[in-house]
Amino acid sequence: PRVRRQRQMCIRDSNKGRLLFPVAGNYKIVRRFGRQPHPTLRHVETDNSGIDIEVAKGSKARAVFAGKVSAIFRQDGFNSIVMIRHGKYITIYAGLASVSVKQGDSVSAGQPLGQIFSDPDDGNRTILHFELRNERQKLNPTAWVR
């Protein structure tokens, strides 16, 4: 018997510009992808491997495409992080206060992944850090989402 591949879980090059945005509702991109001047330190550049999206307090991160939760972990400065595999592509959602999926779960596009952390030390700003990778290669998420 032929094995049917689950095509809908693999992001392809043809999906560029068509993925869901990782948050619903109003948002503002507060840090873009790549190298840029530090906001306060002259002569210092930062290198952002994704985009930072500011949203309203209580907002949830959502899957940009169907896939499988490959990892959930915590990292200083990012709270909880969810990684989803979509074939050779991986999406990373960092800065979550709570997570509503577990490792191994299959998720659909638009499915909530968890509530985004509001930082009491930063005026309760609520910021999601979102990355998209082709295996290890970091891609500019703004070229892929709509």
C-alpha atoms as a PDB file:
ATOM      1  CA  PRO A   1       0.000   0.000   0.000  1.00  0.00           C
ATOM      2  CA  ARG A   2       1.103   3.539  -0.749  1.00  0.00           C
ATOM      3  CA  VAL A   3       1.896   5.748   2.213  1.00  0.00           C
ATOM      4  CA  ARG A   4      -0.017   9.030   2.058  1.00  0.00           C
ATOM      5  CA  ARG A   5       2.041  11.974   3.228  1.00  0.00           C
ATOM      6  CA  GLN A   6       0.403  14.679   5.310  1.00  0.00           C
ATOM      7  CA  ARG A   7       0.992  17.555   2.906  1.00  0.00           C
ATOM      8  CA  GLN A   8      -0.977  20.102   4.927  1.00  0.00           C
ATOM      9  CA  MET A   9       1.647  20.050   7.738  1.00  0.00           C
ATOM     10  CA  CYS A  10       4.587  21.053   5.541  1.00  0.00           C
ATOM     11  CA  ILE A  11       5.290  24.673   4.756  1.00  0.00           C
ATOM     12  CA  ARG A  12       6.595  25.032   1.202  1.00  0.00           C
ATOM     13  CA  ASP A  13       8.259  27.914  -0.632  1.00  0.00           C
ATOM     14  CA  SER A  14       4.879  28.538  -2.304  1.00  0.00           C
ATOM     15  CA  ASN A  15       3.463  29.435   1.150  1.00  0.00           C
ATOM     16  CA  LYS A  16       5.664  32.551   1.281  1.00  0.00           C
ATOM     17  CA  GLY A  17       3.474  35.567   2.046  1.00  0.00           C
ATOM     18  CA  ARG A  18       0.471  33.350   2.821  1.00  0.00           C
ATOM     19  CA  LEU A  19       0.989  32.187   6.420  1.00  0.00           C
ATOM     20  CA  LEU A  20      -1.287  33.447   9.174  1.00  0.00           C
ATOM     21  CA  PHE A  21       0.119  36.173  11.407  1.00  0.00           C
ATOM     22  CA  PRO A  22       1.114  34.676  14.806  1.00  0.00           C
ATOM     23  CA  VAL A  23      -1.370  36.903  16.685  1.00  0.00           C
ATOM     24  CA  ALA A  24      -4.953  37.951  15.969  1.00  0.00           C
ATOM     25  CA  GLY A  25      -6.181  41.516  16.354  1.00  0.00           C
ATOM     26  CA  ASN A  26      -4.147  44.703  16.605  1.00  0.00           C
ATOM     27  CA  TYR A  27      -0.379  44.468  16.822  1.00  0.00           C
ATOM     28  CA  LYS A  28       2.774  46.485  16.276  1.00  0.00           C
ATOM     29  CA  ILE A  29       6.135  45.070  15.199  1.00  0.00           C
ATOM     30  CA  VAL A  30       8.517  46.678  17.720  1.00  0.00           C
ATOM     31  CA  ARG A  31      11.736  44.954  16.578  1.00  0.00           C
ATOM     32  CA  ARG A  32      12.317  43.802  13.028  1.00  0.00           C
ATOM     33  CA  PHE A  33      14.336  40.833  11.754  1.00  0.00           C
ATOM     34  CA  GLY A  34      18.096  41.067  11.297  1.00  0.00           C
ATOM     35  CA  ARG A  35      20.793  43.556  12.254  1.00  0.00           C
ATOM     36  CA  GLN A  36      19.752  47.001  13.469  1.00  0.00           C
ATOM     37  CA  PRO A  37      21.043  49.779  15.716  1.00  0.00           C
ATOM     38  CA  HIS A  38      20.478  49.276  19.436  1.00  0.00           C
ATOM     39  CA  PRO A  39      17.562  51.476  20.609  1.00  0.00           C
ATOM     40  CA  THR A  40      19.633  53.288  23.278  1.00  0.00           C
ATOM     41  CA  LEU A  41      23.322  52.372  22.894  1.00  0.00           C
ATOM     42  CA  ARG A  42      25.171  54.272  20.158  1.00  0.00           C
ATOM     43  CA  HIS A  43      27.618  52.225  18.068  1.00  0.00           C
ATOM     44  CA  VAL A  44      25.938  48.969  19.151  1.00  0.00           C
ATOM     45  CA  GLU A  45      24.011  46.732  16.756  1.00  0.00           C
ATOM     46  CA  THR A  46      21.636  43.944  17.693  1.00  0.00           C
ATOM     47  CA  ASP A  47      20.809  40.926  15.568  1.00  0.00           C
ATOM     48  CA  ASN A  48      17.209  39.778  15.891  1.00  0.00           C
ATOM     49  CA  SER A  49      16.625  36.224  14.680  1.00  0.00           C
ATOM     50  CA  GLY A  50      12.875  36.887  14.417  1.00  0.00           C
ATOM     51  CA  ILE A  51      10.390  39.699  14.942  1.00  0.00           C
ATOM     52  CA  ASP A  52       9.034  41.118  18.189  1.00  0.00           C
ATOM     53  CA  ILE A  53       5.302  41.832  18.116  1.00  0.00           C
ATOM     54  CA  GLU A  54       3.594  44.002  20.727  1.00  0.00           C
ATOM     55  CA  VAL A  55      -0.059  43.133  21.408  1.00  0.00           C
ATOM     56  CA  ALA A  56      -2.789  43.883  23.945  1.00  0.00           C
ATOM     57  CA  LYS A  57      -2.507  42.329  27.386  1.00  0.00           C
ATOM     58  CA  GLY A  58      -4.249  38.940  27.430  1.00  0.00           C
ATOM     59  CA  SER A  59      -3.472  38.168  23.762  1.00  0.00           C
ATOM     60  CA  LYS A  60      -2.642  34.624  22.665  1.00  0.00           C
ATOM     61  CA  ALA A  61      -0.064  33.360  20.187  1.00  0.00           C
ATOM     62  CA  ARG A  62      -1.473  31.203  17.393  1.00  0.00           C
ATOM     63  CA  ALA A  63       0.040  28.691  14.987  1.00  0.00           C
ATOM     64  CA  VAL A  64       0.767  30.271  11.597  1.00  0.00           C
ATOM     65  CA  PHE A  65       0.395  26.909   9.812  1.00  0.00           C
ATOM     66  CA  ALA A  66      -0.537  23.317  10.634  1.00  0.00           C
ATOM     67  CA  GLY A  67       2.274  21.317  12.197  1.00  0.00           C
ATOM     68  CA  LYS A  68       3.473  19.246  15.139  1.00  0.00           C
ATOM     69  CA  VAL A  69       4.692  20.658  18.468  1.00  0.00           C
ATOM     70  CA  SER A  70       8.329  19.516  18.560  1.00  0.00           C
ATOM     71  CA  ALA A  71       9.437  21.177  21.804  1.00  0.00           C
ATOM     72  CA  ILE A  72       8.267  23.306  24.711  1.00  0.00           C
ATOM     73  CA  PHE A  73      10.835  24.797  27.062  1.00  0.00           C
ATOM     74  CA  ARG A  74      11.677  27.818  29.199  1.00  0.00           C
ATOM     75  CA  GLN A  75      14.564  30.217  28.636  1.00  0.00           C
ATOM     76  CA  ASP A  76      15.621  33.258  30.654  1.00  0.00           C
ATOM     77  CA  GLY A  77      14.184  36.407  29.111  1.00  0.00           C
ATOM     78  CA  PHE A  78      11.668  34.481  26.982  1.00  0.00           C
ATOM     79  CA  ASN A  79       9.524  32.637  29.564  1.00  0.00           C
ATOM     80  CA  SER A  80       7.928  29.668  27.785  1.00  0.00           C
ATOM     81  CA  ILE A  81       8.795  28.838  24.179  1.00  0.00           C
ATOM     82  CA  VAL A  82       6.842  26.618  21.778  1.00  0.00           C
ATOM     83  CA  MET A  83       8.518  25.168  18.659  1.00  0.00           C
ATOM     84  CA  ILE A  84       6.380  23.729  15.862  1.00  0.00           C
ATOM     85  CA  ARG A  85       7.734  21.660  12.990  1.00  0.00           C
ATOM     86  CA  HIS A  86       6.146  22.017   9.551  1.00  0.00           C
ATOM     87  CA  GLY A  87       8.171  19.621   7.384  1.00  0.00           C
ATOM     88  CA  LYS A  88      11.648  21.183   7.014  1.00  0.00           C
ATOM     89  CA  TYR A  89      10.382  24.490   8.436  1.00  0.00           C
ATOM     90  CA  ILE A  90      10.164  25.382  12.141  1.00  0.00           C
ATOM     91  CA  THR A  91       8.241  28.216  13.797  1.00  0.00           C
ATOM     92  CA  ILE A  92       9.201  29.485  17.249  1.00  0.00           C
ATOM     93  CA  TYR A  93       6.863  31.375  19.593  1.00  0.00           C
ATOM     94  CA  ALA A  94       8.697  32.879  22.604  1.00  0.00           C
ATOM     95  CA  GLY A  95       7.511  35.022  25.485  1.00  0.00           C
ATOM     96  CA  LEU A  96       4.539  32.939  26.552  1.00  0.00           C
ATOM     97  CA  ALA A  97       3.129  33.195  30.094  1.00  0.00           C
ATOM     98  CA  SER A  98       1.197  29.928  29.675  1.00  0.00           C
ATOM     99  CA  VAL A  99       1.116  27.168  27.073  1.00  0.00           C
ATOM    100  CA  SER A 100      -2.069  25.442  25.890  1.00  0.00           C
ATOM    101  CA  VAL A 101      -0.452  22.667  23.783  1.00  0.00           C
ATOM    102  CA  LYS A 102       1.942  19.847  24.640  1.00  0.00           C
ATOM    103  CA  GLN A 103       4.908  18.243  22.911  1.00  0.00           C
ATOM    104  CA  GLY A 104       3.753  15.863  20.163  1.00  0.00           C
ATOM    105  CA  ASP A 105       0.415  17.633  19.591  1.00  0.00           C
ATOM    106  CA  SER A 106      -0.679  18.206  16.013  1.00  0.00           C
ATOM    107  CA  VAL A 107      -1.883  21.789  15.661  1.00  0.00           C
ATOM    108  CA  SER A 108      -3.946  23.476  12.970  1.00  0.00           C
ATOM    109  CA  ALA A 109      -3.385  26.927  11.481  1.00  0.00           C
ATOM    110  CA  GLY A 110      -4.815  29.544  13.807  1.00  0.00           C
ATOM    111  CA  GLN A 111      -4.883  27.253  16.861  1.00  0.00           C
ATOM    112  CA  PRO A 112      -4.036  29.112  20.110  1.00  0.00           C
ATOM    113  CA  LEU A 113      -0.677  28.052  21.574  1.00  0.00           C
ATOM    114  CA  GLY A 114      -0.684  30.028  24.803  1.00  0.00           C
ATOM    115  CA  GLN A 115      -1.065  33.429  26.405  1.00  0.00           C
ATOM    116  CA  ILE A 116       1.672  35.994  25.747  1.00  0.00           C
ATOM    117  CA  PHE A 117       3.546  37.233  28.828  1.00  0.00           C
ATOM    118  CA  SER A 118       2.912  40.812  30.024  1.00  0.00           C
ATOM    119  CA  ASP A 119       6.122  42.103  31.612  1.00  0.00           C
ATOM    120  CA  PRO A 120       5.479  43.998  34.880  1.00  0.00           C
ATOM    121  CA  ASP A 121       9.096  45.287  34.719  1.00  0.00           C
ATOM    122  CA  ASP A 122       8.423  46.852  31.289  1.00  0.00           C
ATOM    123  CA  GLY A 123       5.144  48.700  31.885  1.00  0.00           C
ATOM    124  CA  ASN A 124       3.164  45.461  31.327  1.00  0.00           C
ATOM    125  CA  ARG A 125       4.155  45.432  27.650  1.00  0.00           C
ATOM    126  CA  THR A 126       3.016  42.209  26.001  1.00  0.00           C
ATOM    127  CA  ILE A 127       5.517  41.100  23.366  1.00  0.00           C
ATOM    128  CA  LEU A 128       5.700  37.876  21.352  1.00  0.00           C
ATOM    129  CA  HIS A 129       9.064  36.937  19.826  1.00  0.00           C
ATOM    130  CA  PHE A 130       8.375  34.958  16.615  1.00  0.00           C
ATOM    131  CA  GLU A 131      10.904  33.135  14.432  1.00  0.00           C
ATOM    132  CA  LEU A 132      10.700  31.106  11.235  1.00  0.00           C
ATOM    133  CA  ARG A 133      13.491  28.789  10.139  1.00  0.00           C
ATOM    134  CA  ASN A 134      14.243  26.436   7.276  1.00  0.00           C
ATOM    135  CA  GLU A 135      15.979  23.831   9.472  1.00  0.00           C
ATOM    136  CA  ARG A 136      18.810  25.995  10.957  1.00  0.00           C
ATOM    137  CA  GLN A 137      18.568  28.913   8.500  1.00  0.00           C
ATOM    138  CA  LYS A 138      16.832  31.931  10.033  1.00  0.00           C
ATOM    139  CA  LEU A 139      14.267  33.509   7.695  1.00  0.00           C
ATOM    140  CA  ASN A 140      12.624  36.929   7.838  1.00  0.00           C
ATOM    141  CA  PRO A 141       9.114  36.121   9.130  1.00  0.00           C
ATOM    142  CA  THR A 142       7.589  39.289   7.647  1.00  0.00           C
ATOM    143  CA  ALA A 143       8.213  37.871   4.143  1.00  0.00           C
ATOM    144  CA  TRP A 144       6.155  34.770   5.018  1.00  0.00           C
ATOM    145  CA  VAL A 145       3.162  35.993   7.019  1.00  0.00           C
ATOM    146  CA  ARG A 146       0.187  37.996   5.774  1.00  0.00           C
END
